[in-house]
Protein backbone atom coordinates (compact mmCIF):
# COMPACT_ATOMS: atom_id res chain seq x y z
CA MET A 1 54.24 34.89 7.38
CA THR A 2 54.09 32.64 10.40
CA THR A 3 51.09 34.42 11.88
CA LEU A 4 49.20 34.23 8.60
CA SER A 5 49.72 30.50 8.08
CA THR A 6 48.94 29.31 11.61
CA PRO A 7 45.14 29.88 11.81
CA PRO A 8 44.28 27.98 8.59
CA ALA A 9 46.38 25.02 9.77
CA LYS A 10 44.40 24.84 13.03
CA ALA A 11 41.11 25.10 11.18
CA THR A 12 42.12 22.32 8.80
CA ARG A 13 43.06 19.99 11.62
CA HIS A 14 39.80 20.72 13.42
CA GLY A 15 37.69 20.06 10.32
CA ALA A 16 39.56 16.86 9.45
CA GLY A 17 39.04 15.47 12.92
CA LYS A 18 35.29 15.99 12.97
CA PRO A 19 33.52 12.65 12.29
CA ALA A 20 30.66 12.46 9.82
CA LEU A 21 27.23 12.51 11.42
CA TRP A 22 25.16 9.34 11.18
CA ARG A 23 22.29 11.19 9.48
CA ASP A 24 24.75 12.50 6.88
CA LEU A 25 25.91 8.96 6.12
CA LEU A 26 22.33 7.75 5.81
CA GLY A 27 21.48 10.68 3.56
CA ALA A 28 24.44 10.01 1.31
CA GLU A 29 23.59 6.31 0.98
CA TRP A 30 19.96 7.18 0.29
CA ILE A 31 21.00 9.52 -2.52
CA LYS A 32 23.28 6.85 -4.00
CA LEU A 33 20.50 4.25 -3.99
CA TRP A 34 17.57 6.39 -5.08
CA SER A 35 19.43 8.48 -7.66
CA LEU A 36 19.75 5.37 -9.82
CA ARG A 37 16.76 5.44 -12.15
CA SER A 38 16.59 1.66 -12.05
CA THR A 39 15.89 1.61 -8.31
CA PRO A 40 12.40 3.21 -8.23
CA ILE A 41 11.50 1.48 -11.49
CA VAL A 42 12.43 -1.99 -10.21
CA LEU A 43 10.73 -1.42 -6.86
CA GLY A 44 7.59 -0.10 -8.56
CA VAL A 45 7.47 -3.04 -10.96
CA LEU A 46 7.93 -5.54 -8.11
CA LEU A 47 5.15 -3.98 -6.05
CA SER A 48 2.76 -3.84 -9.01
CA LEU A 49 3.61 -7.39 -10.09
CA TYR A 50 3.04 -9.00 -6.71
CA LEU A 51 -0.15 -7.09 -6.04
CA TYR A 52 -1.41 -8.28 -9.42
CA LEU A 53 -0.36 -11.87 -8.67
CA ALA A 54 -2.31 -11.70 -5.39
CA TYR A 55 -5.35 -10.39 -7.28
CA HIS A 56 -5.04 -13.08 -9.95
CA ALA A 57 -4.72 -15.88 -7.37
CA ALA A 58 -7.69 -14.56 -5.39
CA GLN A 59 -9.81 -14.31 -8.52
CA LEU A 60 -9.03 -17.92 -9.40
CA ASP A 61 -10.01 -19.03 -5.89
CA HIS A 62 -13.18 -16.98 -6.08
CA ASP A 63 -14.23 -18.41 -9.45
CA SER A 64 -13.35 -22.04 -8.65
CA TYR A 65 -14.68 -22.13 -5.08
CA PRO A 66 -18.05 -23.71 -6.01
CA THR A 67 -16.21 -26.69 -7.52
CA TRP A 68 -13.92 -27.29 -4.54
CA PRO A 69 -14.32 -30.64 -2.75
CA ALA A 70 -15.94 -30.54 0.69
CA PHE A 71 -12.70 -31.07 2.60
CA ALA A 72 -11.07 -28.08 0.86
CA LYS A 73 -14.01 -25.84 1.77
CA LEU A 74 -13.61 -26.83 5.43
CA ASP A 75 -10.02 -25.58 5.57
CA PRO A 76 -9.45 -22.91 2.89
CA ASP A 77 -6.13 -21.06 2.83
CA PRO A 78 -6.33 -18.08 0.45
CA ALA A 79 -3.00 -16.77 1.75
CA HIS A 80 -1.28 -19.86 0.35
CA ASP A 81 -2.27 -18.83 -3.17
CA ALA A 82 -1.80 -15.08 -2.69
CA PHE A 83 1.76 -15.65 -1.43
CA ASP A 84 2.69 -18.51 -3.71
CA PHE A 85 6.13 -19.88 -2.79
CA PRO A 86 7.62 -20.44 -6.29
CA LYS A 87 6.53 -16.99 -7.48
CA PHE A 88 8.13 -15.30 -4.47
CA LEU A 89 11.53 -16.79 -5.30
CA LEU A 90 11.76 -14.12 -8.01
CA LEU A 91 11.13 -11.40 -5.40
CA MET A 92 13.90 -12.83 -3.21
CA ALA A 93 16.32 -12.99 -6.12
CA THR A 94 15.52 -9.42 -7.19
CA ALA A 95 15.92 -8.09 -3.65
CA GLY A 96 19.26 -9.89 -3.44
CA THR A 97 20.32 -8.34 -6.74
CA ILE A 98 19.38 -4.84 -5.51
CA GLY A 99 21.56 -5.38 -2.43
CA ALA A 100 24.41 -6.74 -4.53
CA MET A 101 24.31 -3.84 -6.98
CA SER A 102 24.37 -1.31 -4.14
CA VAL A 103 27.84 -2.64 -3.31
CA VAL A 104 29.34 -3.82 -6.59
CA GLY A 105 28.14 -0.72 -8.44
CA GLU A 106 30.32 1.49 -6.23
CA HIS A 107 33.33 -0.75 -6.76
CA ALA A 108 32.82 -0.80 -10.53
CA SER A 109 32.50 2.99 -10.77
CA GLY A 110 35.24 3.77 -8.25
CA LEU A 111 32.80 5.76 -6.11
CA ILE A 112 33.73 3.62 -3.10
CA ARG A 113 37.22 5.21 -3.09
CA ALA A 114 35.81 8.73 -2.97
CA THR A 115 33.39 7.69 -0.24
CA LEU A 116 36.13 6.24 1.94
CA ILE A 117 38.34 9.29 1.43
CA ALA A 118 35.50 11.48 2.70
CA VAL A 119 34.61 9.02 5.50
CA PRO A 120 37.56 6.78 6.41
CA ALA A 121 35.46 4.84 8.96
CA ARG A 122 34.62 1.92 6.68
CA GLY A 123 32.42 0.18 9.20
CA ARG A 124 30.14 3.21 9.57
CA VAL A 125 29.88 3.59 5.80
CA ILE A 126 28.79 0.00 5.19
CA LEU A 127 26.43 0.00 8.18
CA ALA A 128 24.76 3.11 6.78
CA LYS A 129 24.42 1.43 3.39
CA ALA A 130 22.99 -1.72 5.00
CA THR A 131 20.52 0.40 7.00
CA VAL A 132 19.24 2.21 3.91
CA VAL A 133 18.95 -0.99 1.85
CA THR A 134 17.18 -2.71 4.75
CA ALA A 135 14.71 0.15 5.24
CA VAL A 136 13.83 0.48 1.55
CA LEU A 137 13.33 -3.27 1.04
CA ALA A 138 11.42 -3.62 4.32
CA VAL A 139 8.92 -1.00 3.11
CA LEU A 140 8.57 -2.95 -0.14
CA GLY A 141 7.96 -6.18 1.77
CA LEU A 142 5.40 -4.51 4.04
CA LEU A 143 3.49 -3.03 1.09
CA ILE A 144 3.44 -6.39 -0.69
CA GLY A 145 2.29 -8.18 2.47
CA VAL A 146 -0.45 -5.75 3.46
CA GLY A 147 -1.51 -4.96 -0.11
CA GLY A 148 -1.54 -8.58 -1.24
CA TRP A 149 -3.72 -9.70 1.65
CA GLY A 150 -5.99 -6.67 1.36
CA ILE A 151 -6.59 -7.37 -2.33
CA THR A 152 -7.24 -11.04 -1.55
CA LEU A 153 -9.88 -10.15 1.02
CA ALA A 154 -11.57 -7.71 -1.34
CA VAL A 155 -11.88 -10.37 -4.06
CA ILE A 156 -12.89 -13.47 -2.08
CA SER A 157 -15.00 -11.97 0.71
CA ASP A 158 -18.38 -12.61 -0.94
CA ARG A 159 -17.69 -16.34 -1.33
CA ILE A 160 -14.96 -17.37 1.10
CA SER A 161 -15.76 -15.89 4.48
CA GLY A 162 -14.05 -15.97 7.85
CA PHE A 163 -10.85 -14.15 6.87
CA SER A 164 -9.68 -10.66 7.80
CA PHE A 165 -6.60 -8.81 9.02
CA THR A 166 -7.25 -10.35 12.45
CA THR A 167 -7.12 -13.94 11.19
CA PRO A 168 -4.55 -15.90 13.25
CA GLY A 169 -1.26 -16.09 11.39
CA ILE A 170 -1.88 -13.20 9.00
CA TRP A 171 0.35 -10.71 10.78
CA ARG A 172 3.03 -13.37 11.10
CA LEU A 173 2.85 -13.75 7.31
CA ILE A 174 3.02 -9.98 6.78
CA ALA A 175 5.87 -9.57 9.27
CA GLY A 176 7.71 -12.51 7.69
CA THR A 177 7.43 -10.93 4.25
CA THR A 178 8.53 -7.56 5.63
CA VAL A 179 11.65 -9.18 7.13
CA MET A 180 12.39 -11.63 4.33
CA VAL A 181 12.83 -9.03 1.57
CA PRO A 182 15.57 -6.95 3.30
CA VAL A 183 17.31 -10.13 4.51
CA CYS A 184 17.66 -11.14 0.86
CA GLY A 185 19.10 -7.68 0.14
CA LEU A 186 21.69 -8.07 2.90
CA ILE A 187 22.67 -11.50 1.55
CA GLY A 188 23.17 -9.88 -1.85
CA MET A 189 25.40 -7.21 -0.27
CA ALA A 190 27.56 -9.87 1.39
CA THR A 191 27.80 -11.83 -1.85
CA ALA A 192 28.88 -8.76 -3.82
CA THR A 193 31.43 -7.81 -1.16
CA LEU A 194 33.06 -11.23 -1.46
CA ILE A 195 33.00 -11.45 -5.28
CA ARG A 196 33.38 -7.76 -6.26
CA ASN A 197 32.38 -8.44 -9.85
CA THR A 198 29.05 -7.39 -11.30
CA ALA A 199 28.33 -10.42 -13.45
CA GLY A 200 29.68 -12.87 -10.90
CA SER A 201 27.73 -11.31 -8.04
CA VAL A 202 24.43 -11.27 -9.94
CA PHE A 203 24.95 -14.86 -11.09
CA ALA A 204 25.71 -16.03 -7.55
CA VAL A 205 22.65 -14.24 -6.13
CA LEU A 206 20.32 -15.66 -8.78
CA ALA A 207 21.73 -19.15 -8.31
CA PHE A 208 21.34 -18.98 -4.54
CA PHE A 209 17.74 -17.75 -4.54
CA LEU A 210 16.36 -19.42 -7.66
CA VAL A 211 18.30 -22.67 -7.91
CA GLY A 212 19.29 -23.27 -4.28
CA PRO A 213 15.78 -23.84 -2.83
CA LEU A 214 15.00 -26.32 -5.62
CA ALA A 215 18.37 -28.08 -5.64
CA VAL A 216 18.34 -28.71 -1.89
CA LYS A 217 15.14 -30.74 -2.29
CA ALA A 218 16.83 -33.05 -4.79
CA ARG A 219 18.51 -36.27 -3.80
CA LEU A 220 21.85 -34.95 -2.58
CA PRO A 221 24.67 -37.47 -2.22
CA LEU A 222 25.91 -38.33 1.30
CA LEU A 223 22.84 -36.71 2.90
CA SER A 224 19.89 -38.50 4.43
CA ASP A 225 16.34 -37.25 3.95
CA ASP A 226 16.36 -35.69 7.43
CA GLN A 227 19.68 -33.93 6.80
CA ARG A 228 18.45 -32.68 3.45
CA ALA A 229 15.29 -31.33 5.08
CA ASP A 230 17.29 -29.63 7.83
CA LEU A 231 19.59 -28.03 5.24
CA GLY A 232 16.62 -26.76 3.25
CA ASN A 233 14.93 -25.31 6.32
CA THR A 234 17.98 -23.14 7.03
CA LEU A 235 17.56 -21.30 3.71
CA PRO A 236 15.76 -17.94 3.90
CA ALA A 237 13.25 -19.08 1.28
CA TYR A 238 11.99 -22.00 3.36
CA ALA A 239 12.13 -19.98 6.58
CA TRP A 240 9.75 -17.48 4.98
CA GLY A 241 7.68 -20.33 3.57
CA ARG A 242 7.14 -21.64 7.09
CA LEU A 243 6.16 -18.22 8.44
CA LYS A 244 3.58 -17.66 5.72
CA THR A 245 1.91 -21.07 6.05
CA MET A 246 -1.45 -20.87 7.83
CA SER A 247 -3.11 -24.19 7.05
CA HIS A 248 -1.85 -27.60 8.19
CA GLY A 249 -2.97 -28.95 4.85
CA HIS A 250 0.00 -27.22 3.22
CA LEU A 251 2.64 -28.58 5.61
CA VAL A 252 4.52 -31.16 3.56
CA GLU A 253 7.69 -33.07 4.34
CA ARG A 254 9.66 -32.01 7.39
CA VAL A 255 9.29 -28.30 8.23
CA SER A 256 10.91 -26.11 10.84
CA SER A 257 9.13 -24.56 13.78
CA ILE A 258 8.00 -20.93 13.79
CA PRO A 259 10.77 -19.82 16.22
CA ALA A 260 13.37 -21.68 14.15
CA ALA A 261 12.22 -19.86 11.01
CA TRP A 262 12.60 -16.46 12.72
CA ILE A 263 16.02 -17.47 14.02
CA SER A 264 17.09 -18.55 10.53
CA LEU A 265 16.21 -15.17 8.99
CA THR A 266 17.93 -13.34 11.86
CA VAL A 267 21.12 -15.37 11.51
CA TRP A 268 21.24 -14.77 7.75
CA ALA A 269 20.88 -11.01 8.30
CA VAL A 270 23.51 -10.77 11.04
CA VAL A 271 26.05 -12.97 9.27
CA SER A 272 25.59 -11.06 6.02
CA VAL A 273 26.23 -7.69 7.71
CA VAL A 274 29.27 -9.08 9.57
CA ILE A 275 30.74 -10.44 6.32
CA THR A 276 30.14 -7.16 4.48
CA VAL A 277 31.70 -5.01 7.22
CA THR A 278 34.64 -7.32 7.92
CA VAL A 279 35.65 -7.84 4.30
CA LEU A 280 35.45 -4.13 3.43
CA ARG A 281 37.59 -3.26 6.44
CA ARG A 282 40.36 -5.72 5.55
CA ARG A 283 40.40 -5.57 1.75
CA ASP A 284 41.85 -2.81 -0.38
CA VAL A 285 39.47 -0.91 -2.61
């Protein structure tokens, strides 16, 4: 009896001690995200919507160009209309919601417990999830950036000349959009990790991305105009807004520098990942 029971015990200990491969973690998180029917639908709708908005804005510029005043014709900025700031707040909020649901959905269904039983290394699990969410949303941001500008060029080229994919500032705009979308997703993940409630997480994400950028421009008590401007420039929305601005005619109030905008997005991403990993490690599921 002893000789029969010994080999299985050794095999069990060997299998239990083998850590999960990084590619296996990424594959599992990809399946979790993409197996939800809402994920490809939402991403497809977002891409279609923002490509259409770029087309619509370019068509308006094309049709109204003959009536523009002389000073506007000297310094046109079609990217300002194609990547309209208020309209892109919805994209930020939706990306944040996707990130939030990738976390809170597992908590609501109890899948997070099964995941952590299979892979007890919580930090590796959440880093894999953050990597997948970042990659998917970065692709979305890149497609919106490249597609939106490509459509704009195709529509305006016969009337508004001098623009192309080599125009100074265009690739900064595209890169900024590519980075901004996944940063919003990571912020949503951190928010959901802290709140751990579906309705509360979605409400907090929508308030942060839709109300926050507008509220910070209001007259806040105990803050001077300079302090209010500095606070607004730290938000991811205004950091992206600075990166996508190409014409000095659209620089209003006090804006951050280009390096400061990149730093702001980087800090938001790093802090969000740190919060998500730290809280999951220390809190029971």
